[in-house]
């Protein structure tokens, strides 16, 4: 019975750990706001944070790192799950998508693999506006 409790506790811990690693943060704006700054933590090349942002048809979505002391790479998937950015293997800390399709965009933030590994915080600004006609 004692071994069963240890195994059960370990299994619960692993499930919680895997959920935390894959957790997504929903980005929402205050009423009337068009920008939002979020902060996160990185602890090495395997660190990753995922944000979901819902946009309307025909908007412009801009995602950019604020400051450059701890370089990150930003990857964006459109609501269909396709890469919304045309990226090579460089560090990409700013993206602009215009016009958007309606739905949730998935924004993944990782440490830039071309820079030295680091531990610490980063800040990302999300901005949404309408495309001028």
N, C-alpha and C. Protein backbone atom coordinates (compact mmCIF):
# COMPACT_ATOMS: atom_id res chain seq x y z
N UNK A 1 0.81 -1.19 0.00
CA UNK A 1 0.00 0.00 0.00
C UNK A 1 0.86 1.26 0.00
N UNK A 2 1.96 1.20 0.73
CA UNK A 2 2.85 2.35 0.82
C UNK A 2 3.46 2.66 -0.55
N UNK A 3 3.88 1.60 -1.27
CA UNK A 3 4.45 1.81 -2.62
C UNK A 3 3.40 2.35 -3.58
N UNK A 4 2.15 1.89 -3.43
CA UNK A 4 1.07 2.38 -4.28
C UNK A 4 0.89 3.89 -4.08
N UNK A 5 0.90 4.35 -2.84
CA UNK A 5 0.75 5.78 -2.56
C UNK A 5 1.90 6.59 -3.15
N UNK A 6 3.09 6.06 -3.06
CA UNK A 6 4.25 6.75 -3.65
C UNK A 6 4.10 6.85 -5.17
N UNK A 7 3.71 5.75 -5.80
CA UNK A 7 3.52 5.76 -7.25
C UNK A 7 2.37 6.69 -7.66
N UNK A 8 1.30 6.65 -6.90
CA UNK A 8 0.16 7.52 -7.20
C UNK A 8 0.54 8.99 -7.07
N UNK A 9 1.26 9.33 -6.00
CA UNK A 9 1.72 10.70 -5.79
C UNK A 9 2.63 11.14 -6.92
N UNK A 10 3.53 10.27 -7.34
CA UNK A 10 4.43 10.59 -8.44
C UNK A 10 3.65 10.79 -9.74
N UNK A 11 2.67 9.96 -9.99
CA UNK A 11 1.85 10.09 -11.21
C UNK A 11 1.08 11.41 -11.21
N UNK A 12 0.50 11.78 -10.09
CA UNK A 12 -0.23 13.05 -10.00
C UNK A 12 0.73 14.21 -10.22
N UNK A 13 1.91 14.15 -9.63
CA UNK A 13 2.91 15.21 -9.81
C UNK A 13 3.29 15.34 -11.28
N UNK A 14 3.51 14.23 -11.97
CA UNK A 14 3.89 14.28 -13.38
C UNK A 14 2.77 14.86 -14.25
N UNK A 15 1.54 14.53 -13.95
CA UNK A 15 0.40 15.08 -14.70
C UNK A 15 0.34 16.59 -14.50
N UNK A 16 0.49 17.04 -13.27
CA UNK A 16 0.45 18.48 -12.98
C UNK A 16 1.61 19.18 -13.68
N UNK A 17 2.79 18.59 -13.64
CA UNK A 17 3.96 19.17 -14.28
C UNK A 17 3.77 19.27 -15.79
N UNK A 18 3.23 18.24 -16.42
CA UNK A 18 3.03 18.29 -17.88
C UNK A 18 1.96 19.30 -18.23
N UNK A 19 0.93 19.45 -17.40
CA UNK A 19 -0.09 20.47 -17.66
C UNK A 19 0.50 21.86 -17.55
N UNK A 20 1.32 22.09 -16.52
CA UNK A 20 1.94 23.42 -16.35
C UNK A 20 2.84 23.75 -17.52
N UNK A 21 3.54 22.76 -18.06
CA UNK A 21 4.45 23.00 -19.17
C UNK A 21 3.69 23.34 -20.45
N UNK A 22 2.47 22.83 -20.60
CA UNK A 22 1.72 23.08 -21.82
C UNK A 22 0.63 24.12 -21.63
N UNK A 23 0.57 24.76 -20.49
CA UNK A 23 -0.48 25.73 -20.20
C UNK A 23 -0.39 26.92 -21.16
N UNK A 24 -1.55 27.41 -21.51
CA UNK A 24 -1.63 28.56 -22.40
C UNK A 24 -2.25 29.71 -21.61
N UNK A 25 -1.77 30.91 -21.87
CA UNK A 25 -2.29 32.10 -21.22
C UNK A 25 -3.10 32.90 -22.22
N UNK A 26 -4.34 33.21 -21.88
CA UNK A 26 -5.21 34.01 -22.74
C UNK A 26 -4.86 35.48 -22.55
N UNK A 27 -4.60 36.18 -23.66
CA UNK A 27 -4.32 37.62 -23.64
C UNK A 27 -5.64 38.35 -23.87
N UNK A 28 -6.02 39.18 -22.92
CA UNK A 28 -7.22 39.99 -23.05
C UNK A 28 -6.85 41.45 -22.83
N UNK A 29 -7.66 42.32 -23.41
CA UNK A 29 -7.41 43.76 -23.31
C UNK A 29 -8.45 44.40 -22.39
N UNK A 30 -8.04 45.44 -21.70
CA UNK A 30 -8.99 46.23 -20.94
C UNK A 30 -9.94 46.90 -21.93
N UNK A 31 -11.13 47.21 -21.50
CA UNK A 31 -12.13 47.83 -22.37
C UNK A 31 -11.55 49.10 -23.01
N UNK A 32 -11.59 49.17 -24.34
CA UNK A 32 -11.09 50.32 -25.08
C UNK A 32 -9.60 50.31 -25.36
N UNK A 33 -8.86 49.38 -24.77
CA UNK A 33 -7.40 49.32 -24.97
C UNK A 33 -7.08 48.55 -26.24
N UNK A 34 -5.97 48.89 -26.87
CA UNK A 34 -5.51 48.18 -28.07
C UNK A 34 -4.16 47.52 -27.87
N UNK A 35 -3.55 47.71 -26.69
CA UNK A 35 -2.27 47.06 -26.40
C UNK A 35 -2.32 46.41 -25.02
N UNK A 36 -1.46 45.42 -24.87
CA UNK A 36 -1.30 44.74 -23.59
C UNK A 36 0.13 44.24 -23.49
N UNK A 37 0.76 44.46 -22.36
CA UNK A 37 2.12 43.98 -22.11
C UNK A 37 2.04 42.83 -21.12
N UNK A 38 2.69 41.72 -21.47
CA UNK A 38 2.75 40.57 -20.59
C UNK A 38 4.21 40.27 -20.26
N UNK A 39 4.43 39.70 -19.11
CA UNK A 39 5.78 39.30 -18.69
C UNK A 39 5.81 37.81 -18.47
N UNK A 40 6.97 37.23 -18.64
CA UNK A 40 7.13 35.81 -18.41
C UNK A 40 8.54 35.49 -17.97
N UNK A 41 8.76 34.24 -17.64
CA UNK A 41 10.06 33.75 -17.16
C UNK A 41 10.59 32.69 -18.11
N UNK A 42 11.88 32.68 -18.30
CA UNK A 42 12.57 31.64 -19.05
C UNK A 42 13.69 31.09 -18.17
N UNK A 43 13.99 29.80 -18.36
CA UNK A 43 15.07 29.21 -17.56
C UNK A 43 15.97 28.32 -18.40
N UNK A 44 16.03 28.57 -19.69
CA UNK A 44 16.90 27.80 -20.56
C UNK A 44 16.26 27.58 -21.91
N UNK A 45 16.99 26.93 -22.80
CA UNK A 45 16.52 26.74 -24.17
C UNK A 45 15.25 25.91 -24.26
N UNK A 46 14.95 25.10 -23.27
CA UNK A 46 13.73 24.29 -23.31
C UNK A 46 12.51 25.04 -22.79
N UNK A 47 12.71 26.22 -22.25
CA UNK A 47 11.58 27.00 -21.74
C UNK A 47 10.71 27.50 -22.90
N UNK A 48 9.42 27.54 -22.63
CA UNK A 48 8.47 27.98 -23.66
C UNK A 48 7.21 28.49 -22.97
N UNK A 49 6.67 29.60 -23.46
CA UNK A 49 5.39 30.12 -22.97
C UNK A 49 4.48 30.28 -24.17
N UNK A 50 3.21 29.94 -23.99
CA UNK A 50 2.24 30.01 -25.07
C UNK A 50 1.11 30.96 -24.68
N UNK A 51 0.79 31.87 -25.59
CA UNK A 51 -0.29 32.84 -25.38
C UNK A 51 -1.33 32.66 -26.49
N UNK A 52 -2.59 32.82 -26.14
CA UNK A 52 -3.68 32.82 -27.11
C UNK A 52 -4.27 34.22 -27.15
N UNK A 53 -4.46 34.73 -28.35
CA UNK A 53 -5.08 36.04 -28.50
C UNK A 53 -6.14 35.94 -29.59
N UNK A 54 -7.34 36.36 -29.26
CA UNK A 54 -8.46 36.30 -30.20
C UNK A 54 -8.55 37.64 -30.94
N UNK A 55 -8.60 37.57 -32.26
CA UNK A 55 -8.72 38.77 -33.08
C UNK A 55 -9.90 38.63 -34.03
N UNK A 56 -10.29 39.76 -34.61
CA UNK A 56 -11.38 39.77 -35.57
C UNK A 56 -10.80 39.77 -36.98
N UNK A 57 -11.66 39.53 -37.93
CA UNK A 57 -11.30 39.56 -39.35
C UNK A 57 -10.82 40.98 -39.71
N UNK A 58 -9.71 41.08 -40.45
CA UNK A 58 -9.25 42.34 -40.99
C UNK A 58 -8.49 43.24 -40.03
N UNK A 59 -8.06 42.72 -38.90
CA UNK A 59 -7.27 43.53 -37.99
C UNK A 59 -5.78 43.36 -38.27
N UNK A 60 -4.98 44.19 -37.62
CA UNK A 60 -3.53 44.05 -37.64
C UNK A 60 -3.10 43.59 -36.25
N UNK A 61 -2.33 42.52 -36.20
CA UNK A 61 -1.79 42.01 -34.95
C UNK A 61 -0.29 42.22 -34.95
N UNK A 62 0.20 42.93 -33.94
CA UNK A 62 1.64 43.13 -33.81
C UNK A 62 2.06 42.57 -32.45
N UNK A 63 3.10 41.73 -32.48
CA UNK A 63 3.65 41.13 -31.27
C UNK A 63 5.13 41.46 -31.26
N UNK A 64 5.60 42.08 -30.18
CA UNK A 64 7.01 42.47 -30.14
C UNK A 64 7.57 42.39 -28.73
N UNK A 65 8.85 42.04 -28.67
CA UNK A 65 9.55 42.00 -27.40
C UNK A 65 9.90 43.43 -27.01
N UNK A 66 9.75 43.73 -25.74
CA UNK A 66 10.15 45.03 -25.21
C UNK A 66 11.51 44.86 -24.54
N UNK A 67 12.47 45.66 -24.95
CA UNK A 67 13.83 45.51 -24.44
C UNK A 67 14.52 44.36 -25.15
N UNK A 68 15.81 44.31 -25.10
CA UNK A 68 16.54 43.26 -25.81
C UNK A 68 17.59 42.58 -24.94
N UNK A 69 17.52 42.76 -23.62
CA UNK A 69 18.56 42.19 -22.77
C UNK A 69 18.52 40.67 -22.75
N UNK A 70 17.34 40.08 -22.80
CA UNK A 70 17.19 38.63 -22.85
C UNK A 70 16.45 38.29 -24.14
N UNK A 71 17.17 37.94 -25.21
CA UNK A 71 16.52 37.78 -26.51
C UNK A 71 15.59 36.56 -26.59
N UNK A 72 14.42 36.77 -27.19
CA UNK A 72 13.45 35.70 -27.37
C UNK A 72 13.14 35.54 -28.86
N UNK A 73 12.57 34.41 -29.20
CA UNK A 73 12.01 34.17 -30.52
C UNK A 73 10.51 34.01 -30.34
N UNK A 74 9.75 34.61 -31.25
CA UNK A 74 8.30 34.57 -31.19
C UNK A 74 7.79 33.84 -32.43
N UNK A 75 6.96 32.82 -32.22
CA UNK A 75 6.35 32.06 -33.30
C UNK A 75 4.84 32.24 -33.21
N UNK A 76 4.19 32.44 -34.34
CA UNK A 76 2.74 32.68 -34.33
C UNK A 76 2.05 31.72 -35.30
N UNK A 77 1.00 31.06 -34.80
CA UNK A 77 0.16 30.20 -35.64
C UNK A 77 -1.20 30.87 -35.80
N UNK A 78 -1.74 30.83 -37.02
CA UNK A 78 -3.06 31.40 -37.26
C UNK A 78 -4.14 30.46 -36.72
N UNK A 79 -5.41 30.87 -36.78
CA UNK A 79 -6.48 30.02 -36.24
C UNK A 79 -6.58 28.64 -36.90
N UNK A 80 -6.03 28.48 -38.11
CA UNK A 80 -6.04 27.18 -38.78
C UNK A 80 -4.87 26.30 -38.37
N UNK A 81 -3.99 26.79 -37.49
CA UNK A 81 -2.83 26.03 -37.04
C UNK A 81 -1.63 26.14 -37.95
N UNK A 82 -1.70 27.03 -38.94
CA UNK A 82 -0.59 27.23 -39.88
C UNK A 82 0.33 28.33 -39.37
N UNK A 83 1.60 28.27 -39.78
CA UNK A 83 2.57 29.30 -39.43
C UNK A 83 2.12 30.63 -40.05
N UNK A 84 1.93 31.64 -39.23
CA UNK A 84 1.47 32.94 -39.71
C UNK A 84 2.63 33.86 -40.03
N UNK A 85 3.84 33.40 -39.80
CA UNK A 85 5.04 34.21 -40.06
C UNK A 85 5.95 33.45 -41.00
N UNK A 86 6.70 34.16 -41.76
CA UNK A 86 7.65 33.54 -42.68
C UNK A 86 9.03 33.67 -42.04
N UNK A 87 9.41 32.64 -41.26
CA UNK A 87 10.62 32.76 -40.46
C UNK A 87 11.75 31.88 -40.97
N UNK A 88 12.95 32.41 -40.85
CA UNK A 88 14.14 31.59 -41.05
C UNK A 88 14.64 31.19 -39.66
N UNK A 89 15.88 30.84 -39.52
CA UNK A 89 16.39 30.37 -38.23
C UNK A 89 16.96 31.47 -37.35
N UNK A 90 16.77 32.74 -37.73
CA UNK A 90 17.25 33.85 -36.91
C UNK A 90 16.34 34.06 -35.71
N UNK A 91 16.78 34.92 -34.80
CA UNK A 91 15.92 35.31 -33.68
C UNK A 91 14.88 36.29 -34.22
N UNK A 92 13.64 36.06 -33.88
CA UNK A 92 12.56 36.94 -34.33
C UNK A 92 11.78 37.39 -33.12
N UNK A 93 11.92 38.66 -32.78
CA UNK A 93 11.26 39.17 -31.60
C UNK A 93 10.17 40.18 -31.94
N UNK A 94 9.86 40.35 -33.23
CA UNK A 94 8.79 41.25 -33.66
C UNK A 94 8.09 40.66 -34.87
N UNK A 95 6.74 40.66 -34.83
CA UNK A 95 5.96 40.19 -35.97
C UNK A 95 4.75 41.08 -36.15
N UNK A 96 4.36 41.27 -37.40
CA UNK A 96 3.16 42.03 -37.74
C UNK A 96 2.37 41.20 -38.74
N UNK A 97 1.11 40.92 -38.42
CA UNK A 97 0.25 40.13 -39.29
C UNK A 97 -0.93 41.01 -39.68
N UNK A 98 -1.09 41.19 -40.99
CA UNK A 98 -2.16 42.06 -41.47
C UNK A 98 -2.56 41.65 -42.87
N UNK A 99 -3.82 41.48 -43.15
CA UNK A 99 -4.94 41.46 -42.23
C UNK A 99 -5.06 40.08 -41.58
N UNK A 100 -5.68 40.07 -40.44
CA UNK A 100 -5.88 38.81 -39.71
C UNK A 100 -7.16 38.13 -40.16
N UNK A 101 -7.22 36.83 -39.86
CA UNK A 101 -8.47 36.10 -40.00
C UNK A 101 -9.07 35.99 -38.61
N UNK A 102 -10.35 35.80 -38.52
CA UNK A 102 -11.04 35.76 -37.24
C UNK A 102 -10.69 34.47 -36.49
N UNK A 103 -10.38 34.61 -35.21
CA UNK A 103 -10.12 33.45 -34.38
C UNK A 103 -8.95 33.65 -33.44
N UNK A 104 -8.52 32.54 -32.85
CA UNK A 104 -7.42 32.56 -31.88
C UNK A 104 -6.08 32.36 -32.59
N UNK A 105 -5.15 33.27 -32.35
CA UNK A 105 -3.77 33.12 -32.79
C UNK A 105 -2.98 32.59 -31.61
N UNK A 106 -2.11 31.63 -31.87
CA UNK A 106 -1.28 31.01 -30.84
C UNK A 106 0.13 31.59 -30.96
N UNK A 107 0.58 32.25 -29.91
CA UNK A 107 1.88 32.91 -29.89
C UNK A 107 2.78 32.16 -28.92
N UNK A 108 3.87 31.60 -29.44
CA UNK A 108 4.81 30.84 -28.62
C UNK A 108 6.09 31.65 -28.46
N UNK A 109 6.53 31.81 -27.23
CA UNK A 109 7.75 32.57 -26.91
C UNK A 109 8.78 31.59 -26.37
N UNK A 110 9.96 31.59 -26.97
CA UNK A 110 11.07 30.75 -26.52
C UNK A 110 12.33 31.59 -26.44
N UNK A 111 13.34 31.04 -25.80
CA UNK A 111 14.64 31.71 -25.84
C UNK A 111 15.18 31.62 -27.25
N UNK A 112 15.84 32.66 -27.70
CA UNK A 112 16.48 32.64 -29.01
C UNK A 112 17.64 31.66 -28.96
N UNK A 113 17.62 30.69 -29.84
CA UNK A 113 18.64 29.63 -29.83
C UNK A 113 19.98 30.10 -30.40
N UNK A 114 20.00 31.28 -31.04
CA UNK A 114 21.26 31.80 -31.58
C UNK A 114 21.99 32.69 -30.59
N UNK A 115 21.38 32.94 -29.45
CA UNK A 115 22.01 33.74 -28.40
C UNK A 115 22.44 32.81 -27.27
N UNK A 116 23.17 33.36 -26.33
CA UNK A 116 23.58 32.58 -25.16
C UNK A 116 22.35 32.26 -24.31
N UNK A 117 22.32 31.07 -23.69
CA UNK A 117 21.19 30.75 -22.81
C UNK A 117 21.14 31.74 -21.64
N UNK A 118 19.95 32.00 -21.16
CA UNK A 118 19.79 32.92 -20.04
C UNK A 118 18.62 32.47 -19.17
N UNK A 119 18.58 33.00 -17.98
CA UNK A 119 17.46 32.79 -17.06
C UNK A 119 16.97 34.16 -16.65
N UNK A 120 15.67 34.31 -16.63
CA UNK A 120 15.15 35.61 -16.20
C UNK A 120 13.81 35.91 -16.85
N UNK A 121 13.48 37.20 -16.88
CA UNK A 121 12.18 37.63 -17.37
C UNK A 121 12.28 38.26 -18.75
N UNK A 122 11.14 38.32 -19.41
CA UNK A 122 11.00 39.01 -20.69
C UNK A 122 9.66 39.75 -20.65
N UNK A 123 9.50 40.69 -21.56
CA UNK A 123 8.23 41.42 -21.70
C UNK A 123 7.85 41.44 -23.17
N UNK A 124 6.59 41.15 -23.44
CA UNK A 124 6.05 41.12 -24.80
C UNK A 124 4.86 42.07 -24.87
N UNK A 125 4.80 42.87 -25.96
CA UNK A 125 3.65 43.75 -26.17
C UNK A 125 2.80 43.19 -27.30
N UNK A 126 1.51 43.05 -27.04
CA UNK A 126 0.53 42.66 -28.04
C UNK A 126 -0.24 43.92 -28.41
N UNK A 127 -0.40 44.18 -29.70
CA UNK A 127 -1.18 45.33 -30.16
C UNK A 127 -2.11 44.86 -31.29
N UNK A 128 -3.36 45.29 -31.22
CA UNK A 128 -4.35 44.95 -32.23
C UNK A 128 -5.02 46.23 -32.72
N UNK A 129 -5.09 46.40 -34.02
CA UNK A 129 -5.77 47.57 -34.60
C UNK A 129 -6.44 47.15 -35.89
N UNK A 130 -7.26 48.03 -36.42
CA UNK A 130 -7.91 47.74 -37.70
C UNK A 130 -7.02 48.19 -38.83
N UNK A 131 -7.08 47.48 -39.94
CA UNK A 131 -6.31 47.81 -41.14
C UNK A 131 -6.93 49.06 -41.76
N UNK A 132 -6.13 50.10 -42.02
CA UNK A 132 -6.69 51.28 -42.68
C UNK A 132 -7.13 50.95 -44.10
N UNK A 133 -8.24 51.51 -44.51
CA UNK A 133 -8.74 51.24 -45.87
C UNK A 133 -8.46 52.39 -46.79
